[in-house]
Amino acid sequence: MKTVVLERDAYGAGEHRFHPGFLDYAKHSGFLIELCRSYRPKTKGKVERFNGYLRRSFYVPLVSQLKPAGLKLDAVTANREVRCWLDEIANERIHGTTGVKPSKRLQEERRYLQVLPEPWRGKIAAARPQRKTPVMKETPKRPVVVTERLNQEVPVQHALSGYSASAQNAAKQELAYSDFLEELLRMEAAGRKARQQSVLTRMAGFPAIKTLDEFNYDFAKSVKKAQLEELAALSFVERNENVVLVGPSGVGKTHLAIALGYRAAQAGIKTRFTTAAELMLLLTTAYQQNNMKAILHRTIKAYRLMIIDEVGYVPMNREQANLFFQVIAALYEKSSVIVTSNLPFGQWDNTFAQDTTLTAALLDRLLHHAHIVPISGDSYRLKHQRQAGMIHSIVRGD
């Protein structure tokens, strides 16, 4: 702002001196200049408040989805995703100041909008202050012995943490040294297994932890309990087979997919959970940044079990359909895939850009070695709302 505001209150009575180029730009674009006072929340803070909302609601979540795959948010990806964010989130929220949705306020004010002028051809020279060369301070050297000790690996961690209690217990029971050592090794093995389970569960990215014991078989009566118990043994992962859960919204497809994935993570199997929409964001960004090969290797092929939730909820364009096919083809007979969908297989071409050839090739690879779990019934989520009197009709499908 120092470039456009040359001097505050230069002419008295709140009249400021602005850069001539900025004044020309304002006149060309048809807006008035109102200089906010610094450190005043009712003026400057109010104007800039949307920047914080944009960062929290759009920028940070988008960066968080791309960062695990080693992708950076660029202008192309941001501009592609921001339209959906504006239409579905920002413009549909109740604004704290106006008390109405921005989309509704826009409709009311649309008749006052003017035609955009031609692009401004002027120029505003930016003042660039010279930075002082920082003085580098010499870092004090640590003794060699201390540095080497800090860099040493300590392979035994869990047994040492419980060494004192184990030693006291061994002394009371008068255990032999071999028995005491065996106890320490058992503690170390159990600790490492627990740590591995924790790391794999966190890496999987489950939106919540679900188990098969929590699943309501009485509500989803079409589900065969024996089939799920067989899948829970995880032999399908050893054989690189797939699982496809098909049924309307709210019948427990995601619950079962997470439960099987959680069981796999607890068994030491590297697992990844994602939705089809999140996967498309990742693949589209990687494709535009010419990074598809690395992404397929690092974030797709790296997992023994890939869970793709909500296939069919959002239609894909031809480019996205081709990218999704590449994922299924890359995992075919090399890893296992769990897919949930609200559509019967005969309607999958509606999701994949109406491309029947691509859809047939995709289903051929997905279903070649697959366990199909059809689920029917009413929405479990809507059941509680009906009981509370919030809705009166049974909603089927999505």
Foldseek 3Di string as FASTA:
>chain_A
DCLFFVAFCPPHPGDTDTDPLVVVVCVQFPHDDDDFDPPDCVGPVVVCVVVVVCCVPPVVVLQVLQVVLPFGDDPVLSVVCVVVCCVPPQQCDQDPPPRHGNVVVCVVCVVVDDDGGDDDPTDGDDDDDDDDDDDDDDDDDDDPVVVVVVPDDDLQDQLVVCVVVLVVVCVVVVPDPVVSVVVSVVRRVVVVLVVQLVVLLVQQPQPDAAAPVPQDCVQFVLFDPVVLVVVLVVVCLVQLFEEEEEAFPQQQLSRSLNNSQSSCSSVNFRHHEDELVSVLSNQVSCVVVVNNVSSCVSPQLVGQEYEYEEQPPAADAQVSLVSVLVSLVSSQRRHYYYYYYHDDLVCNCRRNNVPPVSSVVSCCRNVVRYDYTYTYHFRPVVVVVVVVVNDPDTDTHD
